[in-house]
Amino acid sequence: MNEVQRLEVKFREALTSGDEVTLHEIHARAVALVTKRKRPPVIAANKKAYEQLIRSYVCHVASNDAGMPYVLWWRAYYGETKIPKKPRHSVGRSRYHLREMRKHSGFTSTLCNKYKIMT
């Protein structure tokens, strides 16, 4: 059972019993859950790792859009720098991560604009 489901169960119980204090606590937790999700979906441990992650997402999306291998796009964009592993998740998820990270990162926004990545 995840956090939202636990809150729903507690809410029903508090509503049935008429416990106003518990209802207010559940409301506060629900608001905290919603505001917590406004952070970027993926955060790396340090700046270098974060930038490498963004670059891999950019290449993942660009290579898929062009129908070409990930490795070719990496070499075209970044030359002989070490190639990170291709993301295992879907291109849609990489695109979503880029779209969300653009809101919080100028670096991500700059790369997406530079390589004309549609998010």
N, C-alpha and C. Protein backbone atom coordinates (compact mmCIF):
# COMPACT_ATOMS: atom_id res chain seq x y z
N MET A 1 0.85 -1.18 0.00
CA MET A 1 0.00 0.00 0.00
C MET A 1 0.90 1.24 0.00
N ASN A 2 0.65 2.16 -0.93
CA ASN A 2 1.47 3.37 -1.00
C ASN A 2 0.91 4.46 -0.09
N GLU A 3 1.61 5.57 -0.04
CA GLU A 3 1.25 6.67 0.86
C GLU A 3 -0.15 7.22 0.59
N VAL A 4 -0.51 7.36 -0.67
CA VAL A 4 -1.82 7.91 -1.02
C VAL A 4 -2.93 6.96 -0.56
N GLN A 5 -2.74 5.67 -0.78
CA GLN A 5 -3.75 4.70 -0.36
C GLN A 5 -3.90 4.68 1.16
N ARG A 6 -2.79 4.79 1.88
CA ARG A 6 -2.86 4.84 3.35
C ARG A 6 -3.65 6.07 3.80
N LEU A 7 -3.39 7.21 3.15
CA LEU A 7 -4.13 8.43 3.51
C LEU A 7 -5.61 8.28 3.22
N GLU A 8 -5.96 7.62 2.13
CA GLU A 8 -7.38 7.42 1.79
C GLU A 8 -8.09 6.58 2.84
N VAL A 9 -7.42 5.51 3.28
CA VAL A 9 -8.01 4.64 4.31
C VAL A 9 -8.20 5.40 5.61
N LYS A 10 -7.15 6.12 6.03
CA LYS A 10 -7.24 6.91 7.27
C LYS A 10 -8.31 7.99 7.16
N PHE A 11 -8.43 8.59 5.97
CA PHE A 11 -9.44 9.64 5.76
C PHE A 11 -10.85 9.06 5.92
N ARG A 12 -11.10 7.91 5.31
CA ARG A 12 -12.42 7.28 5.44
C ARG A 12 -12.74 6.96 6.90
N GLU A 13 -11.75 6.41 7.60
CA GLU A 13 -11.96 6.07 9.01
C GLU A 13 -12.25 7.33 9.84
N ALA A 14 -11.48 8.39 9.62
CA ALA A 14 -11.68 9.63 10.37
C ALA A 14 -13.01 10.29 10.02
N LEU A 15 -13.40 10.20 8.76
CA LEU A 15 -14.67 10.78 8.32
C LEU A 15 -15.84 10.04 8.96
N THR A 16 -15.74 8.73 9.00
CA THR A 16 -16.79 7.91 9.60
C THR A 16 -16.92 8.18 11.09
N SER A 17 -15.78 8.31 11.76
CA SER A 17 -15.80 8.53 13.21
C SER A 17 -16.04 9.99 13.58
N GLY A 18 -15.88 10.90 12.62
CA GLY A 18 -16.08 12.33 12.89
C GLY A 18 -14.92 12.97 13.63
N ASP A 19 -13.73 12.41 13.49
CA ASP A 19 -12.53 12.90 14.17
C ASP A 19 -11.91 14.07 13.38
N GLU A 20 -12.22 15.29 13.82
CA GLU A 20 -11.76 16.48 13.10
C GLU A 20 -10.25 16.66 13.14
N VAL A 21 -9.62 16.32 14.25
CA VAL A 21 -8.17 16.48 14.39
C VAL A 21 -7.44 15.61 13.37
N THR A 22 -7.86 14.36 13.25
CA THR A 22 -7.25 13.44 12.29
C THR A 22 -7.50 13.90 10.87
N LEU A 23 -8.69 14.41 10.60
CA LEU A 23 -8.99 14.93 9.26
C LEU A 23 -8.05 16.07 8.89
N HIS A 24 -7.78 16.97 9.83
CA HIS A 24 -6.86 18.08 9.56
C HIS A 24 -5.43 17.58 9.34
N GLU A 25 -5.01 16.56 10.11
CA GLU A 25 -3.68 15.99 9.92
C GLU A 25 -3.54 15.35 8.54
N ILE A 26 -4.57 14.63 8.13
CA ILE A 26 -4.54 13.98 6.81
C ILE A 26 -4.50 15.03 5.71
N HIS A 27 -5.26 16.11 5.90
CA HIS A 27 -5.24 17.19 4.92
C HIS A 27 -3.84 17.78 4.79
N ALA A 28 -3.18 18.00 5.92
CA ALA A 28 -1.82 18.56 5.90
C ALA A 28 -0.85 17.62 5.19
N ARG A 29 -0.98 16.32 5.45
CA ARG A 29 -0.10 15.35 4.77
C ARG A 29 -0.36 15.31 3.27
N ALA A 30 -1.63 15.39 2.89
CA ALA A 30 -1.97 15.37 1.46
C ALA A 30 -1.41 16.60 0.75
N VAL A 31 -1.50 17.75 1.38
CA VAL A 31 -0.93 18.97 0.79
C VAL A 31 0.58 18.84 0.66
N ALA A 32 1.22 18.28 1.67
CA ALA A 32 2.67 18.08 1.63
C ALA A 32 3.06 17.13 0.51
N LEU A 33 2.26 16.09 0.30
CA LEU A 33 2.53 15.15 -0.80
C LEU A 33 2.46 15.84 -2.16
N VAL A 34 1.45 16.67 -2.33
CA VAL A 34 1.28 17.35 -3.62
C VAL A 34 2.40 18.35 -3.86
N THR A 35 2.78 19.12 -2.87
CA THR A 35 3.83 20.13 -3.07
C THR A 35 5.19 19.48 -3.23
N LYS A 36 5.39 18.31 -2.63
CA LYS A 36 6.66 17.61 -2.75
C LYS A 36 6.94 17.20 -4.18
N ARG A 37 5.93 16.93 -4.97
CA ARG A 37 6.10 16.45 -6.34
C ARG A 37 6.51 17.55 -7.31
N LYS A 38 6.63 18.77 -6.88
CA LYS A 38 7.03 19.84 -7.78
C LYS A 38 8.53 19.90 -7.97
N ARG A 39 9.27 19.03 -7.26
CA ARG A 39 10.71 18.97 -7.45
C ARG A 39 11.04 18.20 -8.72
N PRO A 40 12.25 18.33 -9.22
CA PRO A 40 12.62 17.57 -10.41
C PRO A 40 12.50 16.07 -10.16
N PRO A 41 12.10 15.29 -11.16
CA PRO A 41 11.90 13.87 -10.95
C PRO A 41 13.17 13.07 -10.73
N VAL A 42 14.28 13.55 -11.24
CA VAL A 42 15.54 12.82 -11.10
C VAL A 42 16.61 13.80 -10.64
N ILE A 43 17.31 13.46 -9.58
CA ILE A 43 18.39 14.30 -9.09
C ILE A 43 19.61 13.43 -8.90
N ALA A 44 20.72 13.80 -9.50
CA ALA A 44 21.96 13.05 -9.36
C ALA A 44 22.72 13.54 -8.13
N ALA A 45 23.70 12.76 -7.71
CA ALA A 45 24.45 13.05 -6.49
C ALA A 45 25.29 14.32 -6.59
N ASN A 46 25.83 14.61 -7.77
CA ASN A 46 26.64 15.82 -7.91
C ASN A 46 26.39 16.46 -9.27
N LYS A 47 26.95 17.63 -9.48
CA LYS A 47 26.69 18.39 -10.70
C LYS A 47 27.17 17.64 -11.95
N LYS A 48 28.34 17.04 -11.89
CA LYS A 48 28.88 16.32 -13.04
C LYS A 48 27.98 15.14 -13.43
N ALA A 49 27.53 14.38 -12.44
CA ALA A 49 26.65 13.24 -12.69
C ALA A 49 25.30 13.72 -13.24
N TYR A 50 24.79 14.83 -12.71
CA TYR A 50 23.52 15.39 -13.18
C TYR A 50 23.63 15.79 -14.65
N GLU A 51 24.71 16.48 -15.00
CA GLU A 51 24.90 16.91 -16.39
C GLU A 51 25.05 15.72 -17.33
N GLN A 52 25.75 14.68 -16.87
CA GLN A 52 25.91 13.46 -17.68
C GLN A 52 24.54 12.81 -17.90
N LEU A 53 23.72 12.79 -16.88
CA LEU A 53 22.38 12.22 -16.98
C LEU A 53 21.53 12.98 -17.99
N ILE A 54 21.58 14.29 -17.92
CA ILE A 54 20.80 15.12 -18.85
C ILE A 54 21.27 14.87 -20.28
N ARG A 55 22.57 14.83 -20.48
CA ARG A 55 23.11 14.57 -21.82
C ARG A 55 22.65 13.22 -22.35
N SER A 56 22.63 12.21 -21.48
CA SER A 56 22.19 10.89 -21.94
C SER A 56 20.70 10.91 -22.31
N TYR A 57 19.89 11.65 -21.55
CA TYR A 57 18.47 11.77 -21.91
C TYR A 57 18.30 12.50 -23.23
N VAL A 58 19.08 13.56 -23.45
CA VAL A 58 19.00 14.30 -24.71
C VAL A 58 19.33 13.38 -25.88
N CYS A 59 20.41 12.61 -25.75
CA CYS A 59 20.79 11.69 -26.83
C CYS A 59 19.77 10.58 -27.01
N HIS A 60 19.19 10.11 -25.93
CA HIS A 60 18.18 9.07 -25.99
C HIS A 60 16.98 9.55 -26.81
N VAL A 61 16.50 10.74 -26.52
CA VAL A 61 15.34 11.28 -27.23
C VAL A 61 15.70 11.62 -28.68
N ALA A 62 16.84 12.27 -28.89
CA ALA A 62 17.24 12.68 -30.24
C ALA A 62 17.47 11.47 -31.14
N SER A 63 18.11 10.45 -30.61
CA SER A 63 18.39 9.26 -31.44
C SER A 63 17.09 8.56 -31.80
N ASN A 64 16.15 8.53 -30.89
CA ASN A 64 14.86 7.90 -31.19
C ASN A 64 14.10 8.71 -32.24
N ASP A 65 14.09 10.02 -32.10
CA ASP A 65 13.37 10.88 -33.05
C ASP A 65 13.94 10.74 -34.46
N ALA A 66 15.25 10.54 -34.56
CA ALA A 66 15.90 10.42 -35.87
C ALA A 66 15.96 8.97 -36.36
N GLY A 67 15.64 8.03 -35.48
CA GLY A 67 15.69 6.63 -35.87
C GLY A 67 17.11 6.12 -36.06
N MET A 68 18.04 6.67 -35.30
CA MET A 68 19.45 6.27 -35.40
C MET A 68 19.95 5.76 -34.06
N PRO A 69 21.06 5.02 -34.05
CA PRO A 69 21.58 4.48 -32.79
C PRO A 69 22.03 5.57 -31.80
N TYR A 70 21.83 5.27 -30.54
CA TYR A 70 22.20 6.16 -29.43
C TYR A 70 23.68 6.53 -29.49
N VAL A 71 24.53 5.56 -29.75
CA VAL A 71 25.99 5.78 -29.76
C VAL A 71 26.38 6.81 -30.83
N LEU A 72 25.75 6.76 -32.00
CA LEU A 72 26.06 7.73 -33.06
C LEU A 72 25.71 9.14 -32.63
N TRP A 73 24.56 9.30 -31.99
CA TRP A 73 24.19 10.63 -31.53
C TRP A 73 25.13 11.13 -30.45
N TRP A 74 25.53 10.24 -29.56
CA TRP A 74 26.46 10.67 -28.51
C TRP A 74 27.76 11.17 -29.13
N ARG A 75 28.30 10.41 -30.07
CA ARG A 75 29.56 10.81 -30.73
C ARG A 75 29.39 12.13 -31.49
N ALA A 76 28.26 12.32 -32.13
CA ALA A 76 28.00 13.55 -32.89
C ALA A 76 27.90 14.76 -31.95
N TYR A 77 27.26 14.58 -30.80
CA TYR A 77 27.07 15.69 -29.87
C TYR A 77 28.29 15.95 -29.00
N TYR A 78 28.91 14.89 -28.49
CA TYR A 78 29.92 15.06 -27.45
C TYR A 78 31.28 14.47 -27.79
N GLY A 79 31.46 14.01 -29.00
CA GLY A 79 32.77 13.54 -29.43
C GLY A 79 33.25 12.30 -28.70
N GLU A 80 34.48 12.35 -28.24
CA GLU A 80 35.12 11.17 -27.65
C GLU A 80 34.93 11.05 -26.14
N THR A 81 34.09 11.88 -25.55
CA THR A 81 33.87 11.73 -24.11
C THR A 81 33.21 10.38 -23.84
N LYS A 82 33.40 9.88 -22.63
CA LYS A 82 32.89 8.57 -22.26
C LYS A 82 31.37 8.48 -22.45
N ILE A 83 30.95 7.43 -23.11
CA ILE A 83 29.52 7.24 -23.40
C ILE A 83 28.84 6.58 -22.20
N PRO A 84 27.83 7.23 -21.65
CA PRO A 84 27.08 6.57 -20.57
C PRO A 84 26.16 5.52 -21.14
N LYS A 85 25.69 4.63 -20.30
CA LYS A 85 24.76 3.61 -20.76
C LYS A 85 23.47 4.28 -21.24
N LYS A 86 22.90 3.69 -22.25
CA LYS A 86 21.62 4.18 -22.76
C LYS A 86 20.56 3.95 -21.68
N PRO A 87 19.70 4.93 -21.42
CA PRO A 87 18.65 4.73 -20.40
C PRO A 87 17.80 3.50 -20.74
N ARG A 88 17.47 2.73 -19.73
CA ARG A 88 16.69 1.50 -19.93
C ARG A 88 15.21 1.77 -20.09
N HIS A 89 14.77 2.88 -19.58
CA HIS A 89 13.34 3.19 -19.66
C HIS A 89 12.97 3.68 -21.06
N SER A 90 11.70 3.91 -21.27
CA SER A 90 11.20 4.33 -22.58
C SER A 90 11.64 5.74 -22.93
N VAL A 91 11.58 6.05 -24.21
CA VAL A 91 11.90 7.40 -24.69
C VAL A 91 10.90 8.40 -24.13
N GLY A 92 9.66 7.97 -24.01
CA GLY A 92 8.65 8.85 -23.44
C GLY A 92 8.99 9.29 -22.03
N ARG A 93 9.56 8.38 -21.26
CA ARG A 93 9.96 8.73 -19.90
C ARG A 93 11.14 9.70 -19.90
N SER A 94 12.11 9.49 -20.80
CA SER A 94 13.23 10.43 -20.91
C SER A 94 12.72 11.81 -21.30
N ARG A 95 11.79 11.83 -22.24
CA ARG A 95 11.21 13.10 -22.69
C ARG A 95 10.48 13.79 -21.52
N TYR A 96 9.74 13.01 -20.74
CA TYR A 96 9.04 13.56 -19.58
C TYR A 96 10.03 14.13 -18.56
N HIS A 97 11.10 13.37 -18.28
CA HIS A 97 12.11 13.86 -17.34
C HIS A 97 12.72 15.17 -17.83
N LEU A 98 13.04 15.24 -19.12
CA LEU A 98 13.61 16.47 -19.66
C LEU A 98 12.63 17.63 -19.52
N ARG A 99 11.36 17.38 -19.82
CA ARG A 99 10.34 18.43 -19.72
C ARG A 99 10.25 18.94 -18.29
N GLU A 100 10.24 18.04 -17.31
CA GLU A 100 10.16 18.45 -15.91
C GLU A 100 11.43 19.15 -15.44
N MET A 101 12.60 18.64 -15.88
CA MET A 101 13.86 19.23 -15.43
C MET A 101 14.12 20.58 -16.08
N ARG A 102 13.51 20.85 -17.23
CA ARG A 102 13.65 22.17 -17.85
C ARG A 102 13.12 23.26 -16.94
N LYS A 103 12.08 22.91 -16.16
CA LYS A 103 11.48 23.89 -15.26
C LYS A 103 12.44 24.31 -14.15
N HIS A 104 13.38 23.42 -13.79
CA HIS A 104 14.23 23.65 -12.64
C HIS A 104 15.70 23.86 -12.99
N SER A 105 16.07 23.65 -14.25
CA SER A 105 17.48 23.69 -14.61
C SER A 105 17.71 24.45 -15.90
N GLY A 106 18.50 25.50 -15.81
CA GLY A 106 18.88 26.24 -17.01
C GLY A 106 19.74 25.40 -17.94
N PHE A 107 20.57 24.53 -17.37
CA PHE A 107 21.43 23.65 -18.16
C PHE A 107 20.58 22.75 -19.06
N THR A 108 19.56 22.15 -18.50
CA THR A 108 18.68 21.27 -19.26
C THR A 108 17.97 22.04 -20.36
N SER A 109 17.46 23.20 -20.02
CA SER A 109 16.76 24.03 -20.99
C SER A 109 17.68 24.43 -22.15
N THR A 110 18.91 24.80 -21.82
CA THR A 110 19.88 25.19 -22.84
C THR A 110 20.18 24.04 -23.78
N LEU A 111 20.41 22.85 -23.23
CA LEU A 111 20.70 21.69 -24.08
C LEU A 111 19.51 21.33 -24.97
N CYS A 112 18.32 21.36 -24.42
CA CYS A 112 17.13 21.03 -25.22
C CYS A 112 16.95 22.03 -26.35
N ASN A 113 17.17 23.29 -26.08
CA ASN A 113 17.06 24.31 -27.12
C ASN A 113 18.17 24.16 -28.16
N LYS A 114 19.39 23.92 -27.70
CA LYS A 114 20.53 23.79 -28.60
C LYS A 114 20.35 22.65 -29.60
N TYR A 115 19.88 21.50 -29.10
CA TYR A 115 19.72 20.32 -29.96
C TYR A 115 18.30 20.14 -30.46
N LYS A 116 17.47 21.14 -30.23
CA LYS A 116 16.09 21.15 -30.72
C LYS A 116 15.31 19.90 -30.31
N ILE A 117 15.37 19.60 -29.02
CA ILE A 117 14.65 18.47 -28.47
C ILE A 117 13.24 18.93 -28.12
N MET A 118 12.26 18.25 -28.67
CA MET A 118 10.86 18.58 -28.39
C MET A 118 10.41 17.78 -27.17
N THR A 119 10.07 18.48 -26.08
CA THR A 119 9.65 17.79 -24.87
C THR A 119 8.18 17.95 -24.65
